[in-house]
Amino acid sequence: MQLKSIVRLLCCGMLGWSLPTAFSQERHRLYTVTNPADTGGIKGHMSSPYKPIQQILAMPPNEPRFVYEGKVLGAARQDFLFESLPMALYDLLVVYEDDFYEGLE
């Protein structure tokens, strides 16, 4: 009975030791890096709703693992620009401080 308790304690201790190292790995890239040789791009202006864009993302619907981050421009932060994208159709995700819109094409 006592041997089982010791084995259980050792296993839990080893698991507890390995979990922090597994979860503390640094993520190197959250968004897909663009290739300057690609000539595609998207430029736009969001007139409605009239509030500043916090972040804008573009994703090809047939390749959801690729997520490109756009630049938010202008004093009102309603203009956006994606440069050096592969030629494709993209769904846009527009993030505001208190809301978001997805599926814009």
N, C-alpha and C. Protein backbone atom coordinates (compact mmCIF):
# COMPACT_ATOMS: atom_id res chain seq x y z
N MET A 1 0.82 -1.19 0.00
CA MET A 1 0.00 0.00 0.00
C MET A 1 0.88 1.26 0.00
N GLN A 2 1.89 1.26 0.82
CA GLN A 2 2.75 2.41 0.90
C GLN A 2 3.58 2.58 -0.38
N LEU A 3 3.97 1.49 -1.02
CA LEU A 3 4.73 1.55 -2.26
C LEU A 3 3.92 2.22 -3.37
N LYS A 4 2.61 1.92 -3.44
CA LYS A 4 1.75 2.57 -4.44
C LYS A 4 1.69 4.06 -4.20
N SER A 5 1.62 4.48 -2.95
CA SER A 5 1.58 5.91 -2.63
C SER A 5 2.86 6.60 -3.05
N ILE A 6 3.99 5.94 -2.83
CA ILE A 6 5.28 6.53 -3.21
C ILE A 6 5.38 6.65 -4.72
N VAL A 7 4.98 5.61 -5.45
CA VAL A 7 5.01 5.64 -6.91
C VAL A 7 4.09 6.74 -7.43
N ARG A 8 2.89 6.84 -6.87
CA ARG A 8 1.94 7.87 -7.27
C ARG A 8 2.52 9.26 -7.02
N LEU A 9 3.17 9.45 -5.88
CA LEU A 9 3.77 10.73 -5.53
C LEU A 9 4.90 11.07 -6.50
N LEU A 10 5.73 10.08 -6.84
CA LEU A 10 6.81 10.32 -7.80
C LEU A 10 6.28 10.68 -9.18
N CYS A 11 5.25 9.98 -9.64
CA CYS A 11 4.66 10.27 -10.95
C CYS A 11 4.07 11.66 -10.99
N CYS A 12 3.35 12.03 -9.94
CA CYS A 12 2.76 13.38 -9.89
C CYS A 12 3.85 14.44 -9.84
N GLY A 13 4.91 14.15 -9.08
CA GLY A 13 6.02 15.10 -9.00
C GLY A 13 6.70 15.28 -10.34
N MET A 14 6.91 14.18 -11.06
CA MET A 14 7.54 14.26 -12.38
C MET A 14 6.64 14.97 -13.37
N LEU A 15 5.34 14.72 -13.31
CA LEU A 15 4.40 15.40 -14.19
C LEU A 15 4.38 16.90 -13.89
N GLY A 16 4.36 17.24 -12.62
CA GLY A 16 4.37 18.65 -12.22
C GLY A 16 5.64 19.35 -12.64
N TRP A 17 6.75 18.62 -12.67
CA TRP A 17 8.02 19.21 -13.09
C TRP A 17 8.06 19.44 -14.60
N SER A 18 7.45 18.53 -15.36
CA SER A 18 7.52 18.64 -16.81
C SER A 18 6.46 19.57 -17.40
N LEU A 19 5.35 19.78 -16.72
CA LEU A 19 4.30 20.65 -17.26
C LEU A 19 4.74 22.09 -17.43
N PRO A 20 5.38 22.72 -16.44
CA PRO A 20 5.79 24.12 -16.65
C PRO A 20 6.72 24.29 -17.84
N THR A 21 7.62 23.34 -18.08
CA THR A 21 8.52 23.49 -19.22
C THR A 21 7.77 23.30 -20.54
N ALA A 22 6.76 22.45 -20.56
CA ALA A 22 6.00 22.23 -21.79
C ALA A 22 5.15 23.45 -22.12
N PHE A 23 4.59 24.10 -21.10
CA PHE A 23 3.71 25.24 -21.35
C PHE A 23 4.45 26.57 -21.41
N SER A 24 5.72 26.59 -21.06
CA SER A 24 6.44 27.85 -21.07
C SER A 24 7.21 28.08 -22.37
N GLN A 25 7.03 27.21 -23.35
CA GLN A 25 7.73 27.40 -24.62
C GLN A 25 7.21 28.68 -25.28
N GLU A 26 8.13 29.46 -25.77
CA GLU A 26 7.79 30.73 -26.39
C GLU A 26 7.27 30.51 -27.80
N ARG A 27 6.20 31.20 -28.12
CA ARG A 27 5.66 31.14 -29.48
C ARG A 27 6.43 32.16 -30.31
N HIS A 28 6.99 31.70 -31.42
CA HIS A 28 7.84 32.58 -32.22
C HIS A 28 7.06 33.41 -33.22
N ARG A 29 6.07 32.85 -33.85
CA ARG A 29 5.31 33.58 -34.86
C ARG A 29 3.84 33.28 -34.68
N LEU A 30 3.06 34.33 -34.49
CA LEU A 30 1.63 34.15 -34.38
C LEU A 30 0.97 34.31 -35.75
N TYR A 31 1.52 35.18 -36.58
CA TYR A 31 0.96 35.44 -37.90
C TYR A 31 1.91 34.96 -38.98
N THR A 32 1.35 34.68 -40.14
CA THR A 32 2.14 34.23 -41.28
C THR A 32 2.97 35.39 -41.80
N VAL A 33 4.23 35.13 -42.02
CA VAL A 33 5.14 36.15 -42.55
C VAL A 33 4.90 36.27 -44.05
N THR A 34 4.80 37.50 -44.54
CA THR A 34 4.59 37.72 -45.97
C THR A 34 5.90 37.60 -46.72
N ASN A 35 5.79 37.33 -48.00
CA ASN A 35 6.95 37.20 -48.88
C ASN A 35 6.99 38.44 -49.78
N PRO A 36 8.04 39.25 -49.71
CA PRO A 36 8.11 40.46 -50.53
C PRO A 36 7.97 40.20 -52.03
N ALA A 37 8.23 38.98 -52.49
CA ALA A 37 8.10 38.64 -53.91
C ALA A 37 6.64 38.50 -54.32
N ASP A 38 5.73 38.28 -53.36
CA ASP A 38 4.30 38.18 -53.68
C ASP A 38 3.76 39.58 -53.97
N THR A 39 2.95 39.67 -55.01
CA THR A 39 2.50 40.99 -55.48
C THR A 39 1.07 41.34 -55.08
N GLY A 40 0.41 40.47 -54.34
CA GLY A 40 -0.98 40.74 -53.95
C GLY A 40 -1.05 41.71 -52.79
N GLY A 41 -2.21 42.31 -52.65
CA GLY A 41 -2.42 43.24 -51.54
C GLY A 41 -3.88 43.61 -51.43
N ILE A 42 -4.24 44.15 -50.30
CA ILE A 42 -5.60 44.62 -50.04
C ILE A 42 -5.48 45.98 -49.37
N LYS A 43 -6.26 46.93 -49.85
CA LYS A 43 -6.31 48.26 -49.26
C LYS A 43 -7.77 48.62 -49.08
N GLY A 44 -8.12 49.18 -47.94
CA GLY A 44 -9.52 49.49 -47.74
C GLY A 44 -9.76 50.52 -46.65
N HIS A 45 -11.04 50.86 -46.51
CA HIS A 45 -11.51 51.83 -45.52
C HIS A 45 -12.80 51.30 -44.93
N MET A 46 -12.91 51.28 -43.63
CA MET A 46 -14.13 50.87 -42.94
C MET A 46 -14.89 52.12 -42.53
N SER A 47 -16.01 52.37 -43.18
CA SER A 47 -16.79 53.57 -42.86
C SER A 47 -17.89 53.28 -41.84
N SER A 48 -18.24 52.01 -41.71
CA SER A 48 -19.26 51.64 -40.74
C SER A 48 -18.87 50.32 -40.10
N PRO A 49 -18.77 50.25 -38.83
CA PRO A 49 -19.06 51.26 -37.82
C PRO A 49 -17.95 52.31 -37.77
N TYR A 50 -18.32 53.49 -37.33
CA TYR A 50 -17.36 54.59 -37.24
C TYR A 50 -16.65 54.51 -35.89
N LYS A 51 -15.65 53.65 -35.83
CA LYS A 51 -14.81 53.54 -34.65
C LYS A 51 -13.45 53.00 -35.08
N PRO A 52 -12.42 53.22 -34.28
CA PRO A 52 -11.07 52.82 -34.70
C PRO A 52 -10.88 51.31 -34.72
N ILE A 53 -10.19 50.86 -35.74
CA ILE A 53 -9.83 49.45 -35.87
C ILE A 53 -8.66 49.18 -34.93
N GLN A 54 -8.75 48.13 -34.15
CA GLN A 54 -7.64 47.72 -33.29
C GLN A 54 -6.68 46.81 -34.04
N GLN A 55 -7.23 45.89 -34.84
CA GLN A 55 -6.42 44.93 -35.57
C GLN A 55 -7.23 44.41 -36.75
N ILE A 56 -6.54 44.07 -37.84
CA ILE A 56 -7.22 43.49 -38.99
C ILE A 56 -6.39 42.32 -39.51
N LEU A 57 -7.08 41.22 -39.82
CA LEU A 57 -6.43 39.99 -40.25
C LEU A 57 -7.05 39.51 -41.55
N ALA A 58 -6.26 38.86 -42.39
CA ALA A 58 -6.73 38.27 -43.64
C ALA A 58 -6.38 36.79 -43.65
N MET A 59 -7.37 35.96 -44.02
CA MET A 59 -7.17 34.51 -44.06
C MET A 59 -7.76 33.95 -45.34
N PRO A 60 -7.00 33.15 -46.09
CA PRO A 60 -7.60 32.48 -47.24
C PRO A 60 -8.59 31.43 -46.73
N PRO A 61 -9.84 31.43 -47.21
CA PRO A 61 -10.83 30.49 -46.67
C PRO A 61 -10.46 29.02 -46.87
N ASN A 62 -9.68 28.72 -47.90
CA ASN A 62 -9.29 27.34 -48.14
C ASN A 62 -7.99 26.96 -47.44
N GLU A 63 -7.33 27.91 -46.78
CA GLU A 63 -6.09 27.66 -46.04
C GLU A 63 -6.13 28.42 -44.71
N PRO A 64 -6.98 28.01 -43.76
CA PRO A 64 -7.15 28.77 -42.52
C PRO A 64 -5.91 28.80 -41.63
N ARG A 65 -4.90 27.99 -41.93
CA ARG A 65 -3.69 28.03 -41.11
C ARG A 65 -2.82 29.24 -41.43
N PHE A 66 -3.09 29.92 -42.54
CA PHE A 66 -2.36 31.13 -42.89
C PHE A 66 -3.17 32.34 -42.43
N VAL A 67 -2.60 33.14 -41.56
CA VAL A 67 -3.26 34.34 -41.03
C VAL A 67 -2.28 35.50 -41.21
N TYR A 68 -2.70 36.49 -41.99
CA TYR A 68 -1.85 37.64 -42.28
C TYR A 68 -2.37 38.84 -41.51
N GLU A 69 -1.46 39.57 -40.86
CA GLU A 69 -1.84 40.76 -40.11
C GLU A 69 -1.65 41.99 -40.99
N GLY A 70 -2.67 42.82 -41.06
CA GLY A 70 -2.60 44.04 -41.85
C GLY A 70 -2.17 45.23 -41.00
N LYS A 71 -1.87 46.32 -41.68
CA LYS A 71 -1.52 47.57 -41.01
C LYS A 71 -2.77 48.43 -40.91
N VAL A 72 -2.99 49.03 -39.76
CA VAL A 72 -4.10 49.96 -39.57
C VAL A 72 -3.52 51.36 -39.74
N LEU A 73 -4.16 52.17 -40.60
CA LEU A 73 -3.62 53.48 -40.97
C LEU A 73 -4.60 54.60 -40.68
N GLY A 74 -4.10 55.82 -40.73
CA GLY A 74 -4.93 57.01 -40.61
C GLY A 74 -5.15 57.44 -39.17
N ALA A 75 -5.44 58.72 -39.01
CA ALA A 75 -5.67 59.28 -37.68
C ALA A 75 -6.89 58.64 -37.01
N ALA A 76 -7.93 58.37 -37.81
CA ALA A 76 -9.15 57.76 -37.26
C ALA A 76 -9.05 56.24 -37.16
N ARG A 77 -7.95 55.67 -37.66
CA ARG A 77 -7.71 54.22 -37.64
C ARG A 77 -8.84 53.44 -38.30
N GLN A 78 -9.28 53.93 -39.47
CA GLN A 78 -10.32 53.24 -40.22
C GLN A 78 -9.82 52.73 -41.57
N ASP A 79 -8.59 53.04 -41.93
CA ASP A 79 -7.99 52.56 -43.17
C ASP A 79 -7.09 51.38 -42.84
N PHE A 80 -6.94 50.47 -43.82
CA PHE A 80 -6.07 49.32 -43.59
C PHE A 80 -5.35 48.95 -44.88
N LEU A 81 -4.24 48.21 -44.71
CA LEU A 81 -3.41 47.83 -45.84
C LEU A 81 -2.74 46.48 -45.55
N PHE A 82 -2.84 45.59 -46.53
CA PHE A 82 -2.10 44.33 -46.54
C PHE A 82 -1.18 44.38 -47.75
N GLU A 83 0.09 44.11 -47.55
CA GLU A 83 1.05 44.12 -48.65
C GLU A 83 1.71 42.75 -48.77
N SER A 84 2.21 42.45 -49.97
CA SER A 84 2.97 41.23 -50.25
C SER A 84 2.20 39.95 -49.90
N LEU A 85 0.94 39.91 -50.31
CA LEU A 85 0.13 38.72 -50.09
C LEU A 85 0.19 37.82 -51.32
N PRO A 86 0.10 36.51 -51.13
CA PRO A 86 -0.07 35.63 -52.28
C PRO A 86 -1.43 35.92 -52.94
N MET A 87 -1.50 35.84 -54.25
CA MET A 87 -2.75 36.09 -54.94
C MET A 87 -3.78 35.03 -54.53
N ALA A 88 -4.89 35.48 -53.97
CA ALA A 88 -5.95 34.57 -53.49
C ALA A 88 -7.14 35.40 -53.07
N LEU A 89 -8.23 34.73 -52.76
CA LEU A 89 -9.36 35.37 -52.10
C LEU A 89 -9.11 35.29 -50.60
N TYR A 90 -9.55 36.32 -49.86
CA TYR A 90 -9.30 36.36 -48.43
C TYR A 90 -10.58 36.74 -47.69
N ASP A 91 -10.75 36.13 -46.52
CA ASP A 91 -11.76 36.58 -45.56
C ASP A 91 -11.05 37.52 -44.60
N LEU A 92 -11.72 38.63 -44.27
CA LEU A 92 -11.12 39.58 -43.34
C LEU A 92 -11.79 39.47 -41.98
N LEU A 93 -10.99 39.67 -40.95
CA LEU A 93 -11.47 39.75 -39.58
C LEU A 93 -11.05 41.11 -39.06
N VAL A 94 -12.03 41.95 -38.73
CA VAL A 94 -11.78 43.30 -38.26
C VAL A 94 -12.08 43.32 -36.76
N VAL A 95 -11.08 43.71 -35.96
CA VAL A 95 -11.22 43.71 -34.51
C VAL A 95 -11.28 45.15 -34.02
N TYR A 96 -12.34 45.45 -33.27
CA TYR A 96 -12.49 46.75 -32.62
C TYR A 96 -12.30 46.55 -31.11
N GLU A 97 -12.28 47.63 -30.36
CA GLU A 97 -12.07 47.53 -28.92
C GLU A 97 -13.14 46.68 -28.25
N ASP A 98 -14.38 46.79 -28.69
CA ASP A 98 -15.48 46.09 -28.02
C ASP A 98 -16.31 45.20 -28.95
N ASP A 99 -15.77 44.91 -30.13
CA ASP A 99 -16.55 44.15 -31.12
C ASP A 99 -15.60 43.61 -32.19
N PHE A 100 -16.11 42.72 -33.04
CA PHE A 100 -15.34 42.27 -34.19
C PHE A 100 -16.31 41.86 -35.30
N TYR A 101 -15.83 41.91 -36.52
CA TYR A 101 -16.58 41.48 -37.70
C TYR A 101 -15.73 40.47 -38.44
N GLU A 102 -16.33 39.37 -38.84
CA GLU A 102 -15.58 38.34 -39.56
C GLU A 102 -16.32 37.95 -40.83
N GLY A 103 -15.59 37.33 -41.74
CA GLY A 103 -16.19 36.82 -42.97
C GLY A 103 -16.32 37.86 -44.05
N LEU A 104 -15.74 39.05 -43.88
CA LEU A 104 -15.78 40.04 -44.96
C LEU A 104 -14.89 39.55 -46.09
N GLU A 105 -15.37 39.67 -47.32
CA GLU A 105 -14.58 39.21 -48.47
C GLU A 105 -14.17 40.38 -49.32
